[in-house]
Each structure stands twice: as C-alpha cells, then as structure tokens.
N, C-alpha and C. Protein backbone atom coordinates (compact mmCIF):
# COMPACT_ATOMS: atom_id res chain seq x y z
N MET A 1 28.61 -33.04 16.04
CA MET A 1 27.97 -32.15 16.87
C MET A 1 27.99 -30.75 16.52
N ALA A 2 29.03 -30.25 15.83
CA ALA A 2 29.13 -28.95 15.29
C ALA A 2 27.95 -28.68 14.43
N GLY A 3 27.69 -29.65 13.46
CA GLY A 3 26.45 -29.52 12.55
C GLY A 3 25.40 -29.23 13.20
N ARG A 4 24.96 -29.84 14.31
CA ARG A 4 23.74 -29.78 14.87
C ARG A 4 23.47 -28.34 15.47
N SER A 5 24.58 -27.90 16.02
CA SER A 5 24.34 -26.61 16.63
C SER A 5 24.27 -25.46 15.49
N ASN A 6 25.06 -25.74 14.36
CA ASN A 6 24.75 -24.87 13.29
C ASN A 6 23.37 -24.69 12.78
N TYR A 7 22.57 -26.06 12.61
CA TYR A 7 21.24 -25.92 12.22
C TYR A 7 20.40 -25.24 13.21
N LYS A 8 20.74 -25.37 14.56
CA LYS A 8 19.91 -24.65 15.48
C LYS A 8 20.03 -23.03 15.38
N GLU A 9 21.20 -22.65 15.06
CA GLU A 9 21.44 -21.29 14.70
C GLU A 9 20.72 -20.72 13.62
N VAL A 10 20.80 -21.53 12.59
CA VAL A 10 20.15 -21.19 11.28
C VAL A 10 18.78 -21.09 11.51
N PHE A 11 18.09 -22.05 12.10
CA PHE A 11 16.65 -22.22 12.38
C PHE A 11 16.27 -20.98 13.29
N LYS A 12 17.19 -20.63 14.30
CA LYS A 12 16.76 -19.47 15.13
C LYS A 12 16.84 -18.15 14.34
N LYS A 13 17.79 -17.92 13.42
CA LYS A 13 17.76 -16.81 12.58
C LYS A 13 16.61 -16.78 11.55
N VAL A 14 16.27 -17.84 11.00
CA VAL A 14 15.02 -17.87 10.17
C VAL A 14 13.85 -17.57 10.92
N LYS A 15 13.71 -18.07 12.17
CA LYS A 15 12.46 -17.70 12.89
C LYS A 15 12.39 -16.11 13.15
N ALA A 16 13.55 -15.67 13.51
CA ALA A 16 13.57 -14.27 13.78
C ALA A 16 13.37 -13.39 12.59
N GLU A 17 13.96 -13.76 11.41
CA GLU A 17 13.81 -12.87 10.37
C GLU A 17 12.66 -13.04 9.40
N THR A 18 12.11 -14.20 9.47
CA THR A 18 10.85 -14.40 8.55
C THR A 18 9.66 -13.35 8.71
N PRO A 19 9.40 -13.10 10.11
CA PRO A 19 8.27 -11.94 10.22
C PRO A 19 8.70 -10.68 9.60
N LYS A 20 9.97 -10.36 9.74
CA LYS A 20 10.52 -9.09 9.18
C LYS A 20 10.36 -9.00 7.72
N LYS A 21 10.65 -10.26 7.09
CA LYS A 21 10.51 -10.22 5.75
C LYS A 21 9.05 -10.25 5.21
N ILE A 22 8.21 -10.81 5.91
CA ILE A 22 6.73 -10.86 5.46
C ILE A 22 6.27 -9.28 5.71
N ASP A 23 6.65 -8.75 6.82
CA ASP A 23 6.15 -7.14 7.04
C ASP A 23 6.83 -6.37 5.89
N LYS A 24 7.96 -6.67 5.48
CA LYS A 24 8.50 -5.94 4.27
C LYS A 24 7.73 -6.10 2.99
N ALA A 25 7.35 -7.37 2.71
CA ALA A 25 6.48 -7.68 1.57
C ALA A 25 5.16 -6.99 1.71
N LEU A 26 4.48 -7.08 2.88
CA LEU A 26 3.33 -6.36 3.21
C LEU A 26 3.33 -4.83 2.73
N GLN A 27 4.46 -4.19 3.38
CA GLN A 27 4.66 -2.83 3.27
C GLN A 27 4.90 -2.40 1.85
N ASP A 28 5.77 -3.24 1.08
CA ASP A 28 5.92 -2.94 -0.38
C ASP A 28 4.65 -3.16 -1.23
N THR A 29 3.78 -4.18 -0.75
CA THR A 29 2.51 -4.38 -1.52
C THR A 29 1.58 -3.14 -1.29
N ALA A 30 1.54 -2.65 -0.05
CA ALA A 30 0.71 -1.58 0.24
C ALA A 30 1.14 -0.19 -0.44
N VAL A 31 2.42 0.10 -0.53
CA VAL A 31 2.95 1.16 -1.28
C VAL A 31 2.72 1.18 -2.72
N GLU A 32 2.75 -0.06 -3.24
CA GLU A 32 2.61 -0.21 -4.72
C GLU A 32 1.04 -0.14 -5.10
N THR A 33 0.24 -0.69 -4.16
CA THR A 33 -1.21 -0.58 -4.38
C THR A 33 -1.72 0.75 -4.30
N ILE A 34 -1.30 1.57 -3.16
CA ILE A 34 -1.87 2.82 -3.09
C ILE A 34 -1.29 3.73 -4.22
N SER A 35 0.03 3.48 -4.53
CA SER A 35 0.59 4.29 -5.64
C SER A 35 -0.24 4.05 -6.97
N LYS A 36 -0.67 2.84 -7.16
CA LYS A 36 -1.40 2.53 -8.36
C LYS A 36 -2.85 3.18 -8.28
N MET A 37 -3.42 3.37 -7.09
CA MET A 37 -4.80 4.03 -7.00
C MET A 37 -4.48 5.55 -7.14
N ILE A 38 -3.36 6.05 -6.56
CA ILE A 38 -3.03 7.43 -6.85
C ILE A 38 -2.92 7.81 -8.27
N ASP A 39 -2.05 6.95 -8.94
CA ASP A 39 -1.84 7.26 -10.38
C ASP A 39 -3.23 7.23 -11.20
N ARG A 40 -4.21 6.21 -10.90
CA ARG A 40 -5.39 5.95 -11.51
C ARG A 40 -6.41 7.10 -11.18
N THR A 41 -6.32 7.73 -10.18
CA THR A 41 -7.25 8.73 -9.90
C THR A 41 -7.28 9.83 -10.84
N PRO A 42 -8.58 10.03 -11.21
CA PRO A 42 -8.72 11.22 -12.25
C PRO A 42 -8.26 12.59 -11.66
N VAL A 43 -7.89 13.50 -12.69
CA VAL A 43 -7.52 14.75 -12.10
C VAL A 43 -8.31 15.93 -12.88
N ASP A 44 -8.90 16.76 -11.92
CA ASP A 44 -9.51 17.96 -12.41
C ASP A 44 -8.70 19.07 -11.64
N THR A 45 -8.89 19.11 -10.35
CA THR A 45 -8.02 20.11 -9.62
C THR A 45 -6.74 19.44 -8.93
N GLY A 46 -6.99 18.01 -8.76
CA GLY A 46 -5.86 17.40 -7.99
C GLY A 46 -6.45 17.10 -6.57
N ALA A 47 -7.40 17.39 -6.17
CA ALA A 47 -7.80 17.25 -4.76
C ALA A 47 -8.18 15.68 -4.42
N ALA A 48 -8.78 15.01 -5.53
CA ALA A 48 -9.05 13.73 -5.18
C ALA A 48 -7.66 12.81 -5.18
N LYS A 49 -6.79 13.30 -5.88
CA LYS A 49 -5.47 12.43 -5.92
C LYS A 49 -4.80 13.01 -4.63
N TYR A 50 -4.83 14.05 -4.04
CA TYR A 50 -4.23 14.53 -2.85
C TYR A 50 -4.74 13.70 -1.69
N HIS A 51 -6.06 13.32 -1.66
CA HIS A 51 -6.67 13.00 -0.40
C HIS A 51 -6.67 11.51 -0.35
N TRP A 52 -5.64 10.77 -0.87
CA TRP A 52 -5.46 9.37 -0.45
C TRP A 52 -4.60 9.42 0.87
N PHE A 53 -4.98 8.36 1.72
CA PHE A 53 -4.32 8.32 3.02
C PHE A 53 -4.27 6.80 3.41
N ILE A 54 -3.26 6.44 4.05
CA ILE A 54 -3.14 5.05 4.86
C ILE A 54 -3.43 5.57 6.32
N ARG A 55 -4.23 4.79 7.02
CA ARG A 55 -4.46 5.13 8.51
C ARG A 55 -4.97 3.89 9.18
N GLY A 56 -4.74 4.03 10.52
CA GLY A 56 -5.02 2.90 11.45
C GLY A 56 -6.53 2.95 11.72
N LEU A 57 -7.23 4.04 11.49
CA LEU A 57 -8.56 4.13 11.72
C LEU A 57 -9.28 4.62 10.32
N PRO A 58 -10.47 4.18 9.96
CA PRO A 58 -11.10 4.64 8.80
C PRO A 58 -11.63 6.18 8.74
N SER A 59 -10.79 7.14 9.01
CA SER A 59 -11.27 8.65 8.98
C SER A 59 -10.13 9.52 8.41
N GLU A 60 -10.53 10.54 7.81
CA GLU A 60 -9.50 11.56 7.25
C GLU A 60 -10.51 12.73 6.74
N ARG A 61 -10.13 13.88 7.08
CA ARG A 61 -10.83 15.09 6.71
C ARG A 61 -10.50 15.54 5.29
N PHE A 62 -11.47 16.00 4.59
CA PHE A 62 -11.21 16.49 3.21
C PHE A 62 -11.10 18.10 3.26
N ASP A 63 -10.19 18.42 2.64
CA ASP A 63 -9.86 19.99 2.52
C ASP A 63 -9.74 20.34 1.05
N LYS A 64 -10.75 20.88 0.38
CA LYS A 64 -10.63 21.22 -1.11
C LYS A 64 -9.51 22.14 -1.42
N GLU A 65 -8.98 22.72 -0.57
CA GLU A 65 -7.76 23.64 -0.95
C GLU A 65 -6.55 22.81 -1.02
N ARG A 66 -6.54 21.59 -0.65
CA ARG A 66 -5.34 20.83 -0.60
C ARG A 66 -5.52 19.79 -2.00
N VAL A 67 -4.47 20.27 -2.91
CA VAL A 67 -4.55 19.59 -4.27
C VAL A 67 -3.12 19.21 -4.52
N ASP A 68 -3.04 18.11 -5.33
CA ASP A 68 -1.70 17.66 -5.91
C ASP A 68 -2.16 16.87 -7.27
N PRO A 69 -2.05 17.55 -8.23
CA PRO A 69 -2.42 16.83 -9.64
C PRO A 69 -1.32 15.83 -9.99
N SER A 70 -0.14 15.90 -9.57
CA SER A 70 0.85 14.94 -9.87
C SER A 70 0.87 13.62 -8.93
N GLY A 71 0.23 13.89 -7.84
CA GLY A 71 0.19 12.55 -6.87
C GLY A 71 1.54 12.38 -6.00
N ALA A 72 2.40 13.29 -6.24
CA ALA A 72 3.74 13.07 -5.51
C ALA A 72 3.62 13.09 -4.04
N GLN A 73 2.94 14.04 -3.51
CA GLN A 73 2.71 14.30 -2.09
C GLN A 73 2.01 13.04 -1.41
N PRO A 74 0.93 12.66 -1.94
CA PRO A 74 0.19 11.56 -1.26
C PRO A 74 1.04 10.16 -1.32
N LYS A 75 1.83 10.03 -2.43
CA LYS A 75 2.67 8.84 -2.65
C LYS A 75 3.72 8.95 -1.53
N ALA A 76 4.34 10.09 -1.21
CA ALA A 76 5.46 10.16 -0.27
C ALA A 76 4.83 10.03 1.13
N ARG A 77 3.64 10.66 1.37
CA ARG A 77 3.01 10.28 2.70
C ARG A 77 2.73 8.94 2.81
N ALA A 78 2.16 8.27 2.03
CA ALA A 78 1.77 6.78 1.96
C ALA A 78 3.07 6.05 2.25
N LYS A 79 4.10 6.10 1.65
CA LYS A 79 5.42 5.36 1.80
C LYS A 79 5.72 5.58 3.43
N ARG A 80 5.78 6.86 3.77
CA ARG A 80 6.14 7.05 5.19
C ARG A 80 5.15 6.44 6.17
N ASP A 81 3.81 6.48 5.95
CA ASP A 81 2.83 5.90 6.70
C ASP A 81 2.90 4.40 6.72
N VAL A 82 3.14 3.86 5.57
CA VAL A 82 3.13 2.28 5.66
C VAL A 82 4.26 1.70 6.49
N LYS A 83 5.32 2.46 6.60
CA LYS A 83 6.44 2.01 7.32
C LYS A 83 6.08 2.09 8.83
N ASN A 84 5.23 2.91 9.21
CA ASN A 84 4.76 3.10 10.71
C ASN A 84 3.58 2.17 11.03
N LEU A 85 2.70 1.99 9.97
CA LEU A 85 1.55 1.29 10.35
C LEU A 85 1.36 -0.14 9.84
N PHE A 86 2.08 -0.61 8.80
CA PHE A 86 1.83 -1.90 8.24
C PHE A 86 2.58 -3.00 8.96
N ARG A 87 2.02 -3.81 9.73
CA ARG A 87 2.70 -4.89 10.33
C ARG A 87 1.62 -6.14 10.24
N LEU A 88 2.30 -7.36 10.10
CA LEU A 88 1.31 -8.46 10.17
C LEU A 88 0.41 -8.64 11.20
N GLY A 89 -0.89 -8.86 10.87
CA GLY A 89 -1.90 -8.85 11.86
C GLY A 89 -2.55 -7.57 12.20
N LEU A 90 -2.08 -6.49 11.73
CA LEU A 90 -2.69 -5.14 12.06
C LEU A 90 -3.64 -4.80 10.80
N LYS A 91 -4.75 -4.07 11.26
CA LYS A 91 -5.63 -3.60 10.18
C LYS A 91 -5.40 -2.14 9.81
N VAL A 92 -5.36 -1.82 8.63
CA VAL A 92 -5.16 -0.55 8.21
C VAL A 92 -6.15 -0.28 7.10
N TRP A 93 -6.33 1.06 6.81
CA TRP A 93 -7.24 1.59 5.84
C TRP A 93 -6.66 2.35 4.78
N LEU A 94 -6.96 2.05 3.59
CA LEU A 94 -6.46 2.94 2.29
C LEU A 94 -7.83 3.79 2.11
N ILE A 95 -7.70 5.04 2.38
CA ILE A 95 -8.80 5.92 2.31
C ILE A 95 -8.64 7.03 1.23
N ASN A 96 -9.66 7.44 0.61
CA ASN A 96 -9.72 8.66 -0.16
C ASN A 96 -10.83 9.39 0.41
N SER A 97 -10.56 10.56 0.98
CA SER A 97 -11.42 11.39 1.76
C SER A 97 -12.31 12.38 0.95
N ALA A 98 -11.98 12.44 -0.37
CA ALA A 98 -12.87 13.26 -1.35
C ALA A 98 -14.33 12.79 -1.31
N PRO A 99 -15.09 13.69 -0.94
CA PRO A 99 -16.58 13.30 -0.75
C PRO A 99 -17.21 12.69 -2.09
N TYR A 100 -16.56 13.23 -3.05
CA TYR A 100 -17.16 12.67 -4.49
C TYR A 100 -16.43 11.53 -5.05
N PHE A 101 -15.51 11.01 -4.28
CA PHE A 101 -14.56 9.86 -4.83
C PHE A 101 -15.52 8.66 -5.20
N ILE A 102 -16.59 8.48 -4.54
CA ILE A 102 -17.44 7.19 -4.91
C ILE A 102 -17.92 7.40 -6.37
N TYR A 103 -18.21 8.58 -6.70
CA TYR A 103 -18.74 8.81 -8.20
C TYR A 103 -17.62 8.54 -9.00
N LEU A 104 -16.36 8.82 -8.82
CA LEU A 104 -15.22 8.55 -9.73
C LEU A 104 -14.96 7.11 -9.77
N GLU A 105 -15.15 6.40 -8.49
CA GLU A 105 -14.89 5.08 -8.56
C GLU A 105 -16.10 4.26 -9.45
N ARG A 106 -17.27 5.02 -9.41
CA ARG A 106 -18.36 4.34 -10.27
C ARG A 106 -18.41 4.69 -11.78
N GLY A 107 -17.14 5.50 -12.17
CA GLY A 107 -16.95 5.71 -13.60
C GLY A 107 -17.53 7.00 -14.05
N SER A 108 -17.62 8.05 -13.14
CA SER A 108 -18.21 9.20 -13.68
C SER A 108 -17.13 10.19 -14.41
N SER A 109 -15.80 9.68 -14.44
CA SER A 109 -14.84 10.50 -15.09
C SER A 109 -14.46 9.76 -16.38
N THR A 110 -14.33 10.49 -17.47
CA THR A 110 -13.77 9.83 -18.61
C THR A 110 -12.33 9.38 -18.56
N GLN A 111 -11.59 9.98 -17.63
CA GLN A 111 -10.21 9.55 -17.38
C GLN A 111 -10.14 8.26 -16.67
N ALA A 112 -11.05 7.87 -15.98
CA ALA A 112 -11.11 6.43 -15.35
C ALA A 112 -12.51 5.86 -15.29
N PRO A 113 -13.04 5.59 -16.61
CA PRO A 113 -14.43 5.02 -16.62
C PRO A 113 -14.70 3.63 -15.89
N GLN A 114 -13.43 2.97 -15.80
CA GLN A 114 -13.63 1.72 -14.98
C GLN A 114 -13.40 1.81 -13.49
N GLY A 115 -13.20 3.03 -13.10
CA GLY A 115 -13.04 3.29 -11.63
C GLY A 115 -11.48 3.18 -11.43
N VAL A 116 -11.16 3.09 -10.03
CA VAL A 116 -9.85 3.14 -9.56
C VAL A 116 -9.62 1.94 -8.58
N VAL A 117 -10.34 1.88 -7.56
CA VAL A 117 -10.19 0.91 -6.52
C VAL A 117 -10.36 -0.50 -7.03
N ALA A 118 -11.55 -0.68 -7.62
CA ALA A 118 -11.96 -2.09 -8.10
C ALA A 118 -10.85 -2.75 -8.96
N ILE A 119 -10.27 -1.90 -9.83
CA ILE A 119 -9.26 -2.25 -10.86
C ILE A 119 -7.97 -2.75 -10.20
N THR A 120 -7.56 -1.81 -9.18
CA THR A 120 -6.40 -2.05 -8.64
C THR A 120 -6.57 -3.31 -7.60
N MET A 121 -7.78 -3.47 -7.03
CA MET A 121 -7.86 -4.57 -6.02
C MET A 121 -7.79 -6.02 -6.87
N GLN A 122 -8.02 -5.95 -8.11
CA GLN A 122 -7.94 -7.17 -8.90
C GLN A 122 -6.52 -7.56 -9.02
N GLU A 123 -5.51 -6.50 -8.79
CA GLU A 123 -4.11 -6.75 -9.04
C GLU A 123 -3.47 -7.02 -7.72
N VAL A 124 -4.04 -6.89 -6.62
CA VAL A 124 -3.35 -7.06 -5.30
C VAL A 124 -2.67 -8.46 -5.06
N ALA A 125 -3.37 -9.55 -5.50
CA ALA A 125 -2.80 -10.87 -5.22
C ALA A 125 -1.40 -10.92 -6.01
N MET A 126 -1.35 -10.58 -7.33
CA MET A 126 -0.26 -10.48 -8.05
C MET A 126 0.92 -9.62 -7.50
N ILE A 127 0.47 -8.48 -7.00
CA ILE A 127 1.39 -7.56 -6.49
C ILE A 127 2.05 -8.33 -5.10
N TRP A 128 1.28 -8.86 -4.35
CA TRP A 128 1.64 -9.58 -3.06
C TRP A 128 2.66 -10.62 -3.43
N LYS A 129 2.28 -11.34 -4.36
CA LYS A 129 3.16 -12.68 -4.78
C LYS A 129 4.48 -12.19 -5.07
N LYS A 130 4.49 -11.03 -5.95
CA LYS A 130 5.82 -10.52 -6.43
C LYS A 130 6.64 -9.92 -5.29
N HIS A 131 6.07 -9.28 -4.30
CA HIS A 131 6.79 -8.76 -3.25
C HIS A 131 7.26 -9.78 -2.21
N LEU A 132 6.40 -10.70 -2.03
CA LEU A 132 6.68 -11.90 -1.06
C LEU A 132 7.95 -12.70 -1.68
N LYS A 133 7.76 -13.02 -2.86
CA LYS A 133 8.82 -13.73 -3.63
C LYS A 133 10.28 -12.93 -3.46
N THR A 134 10.13 -11.69 -3.61
CA THR A 134 11.36 -10.85 -3.50
C THR A 134 11.91 -10.95 -2.05
N ALA A 135 10.93 -10.71 -1.10
CA ALA A 135 11.49 -10.70 0.25
C ALA A 135 12.02 -12.00 0.67
N ILE A 136 11.36 -13.19 0.25
CA ILE A 136 11.84 -14.42 0.73
C ILE A 136 13.01 -14.87 0.04
N SER A 137 13.37 -14.48 -1.09
CA SER A 137 14.50 -14.87 -1.98
C SER A 137 15.86 -14.22 -1.38
N LYS A 138 15.65 -13.30 -0.66
CA LYS A 138 16.85 -12.63 -0.11
C LYS A 138 17.46 -13.43 1.02
N PRO A 139 18.73 -13.55 0.93
CA PRO A 139 19.30 -14.44 1.99
C PRO A 139 19.20 -13.89 3.36
N ILE A 140 19.16 -14.70 4.36
CA ILE A 140 19.01 -14.38 5.72
C ILE A 140 20.38 -14.07 6.33
C-alpha cells in the first residue's frame, strides 16, 4: 500500500512541476533567440540594436536618440520582460521598432548581409530542444 501512495505523490508532483519546466524552457529559448538577434543586428549608431523589445502586443515606439551599440540594455530588458510575458499558450512579439530594420533584414548592411531574423529563426528549433532537454533533465 505504501508504494501506491508514493506513486500518487510522484505523479502529483510531476503534474504540478511539468508546466513550470516547460515555461522555463520557453523563457530560456526566448532570451537566447532575442540575444542572438541583438548580437547579429548591425551597428552604425546602435539605434537598431537598442530597439529590440519583447511585448504582449506588436507595437513599440522608435526613438533615434536611444542607442546601445553593445546591445547590453536590450538584452537585460528582454531577460526581464521574458520572465513577465512568456508562458505556455501566450502570444508574444519580438519587435525591432527601427523603421529601417526591414532593410537591414534584407541585407542592406555589409555587417549582416544575410539579415538577422531569418538566420536566427532557422536556429530556434535547435535552441528550443536544448532548453527543453535541460529543463526536463532536472530532477523534480
């Protein structure tokens, strides 16, 4: 009898912890994905790099005075926003609000002739599998 109740407790814990692990894998995937996009964004002034956002709605204002050639500020902001927004079943947007970003994506910069988003999106499945494997392999 003791063995059966132990199994019930284990299954109960697995049922409670699995969504949390999947959310964590999603969040880690999102952070790595947007970090790759930020790193791959060409730099002239740093405005395009600065204007990466994660949002619940697809809008964000561009301000040419806000720049970050290193990409550190948008990465930190993305990491914070991912924790607040990314959950299984929710829709979020990875946005670059620079009005000229579409040209960068189409290869107008010699720094990123293959673009930024398309290349990164080709890697998302691999990134997801890596983070899911990590999340699931941790004991409950």
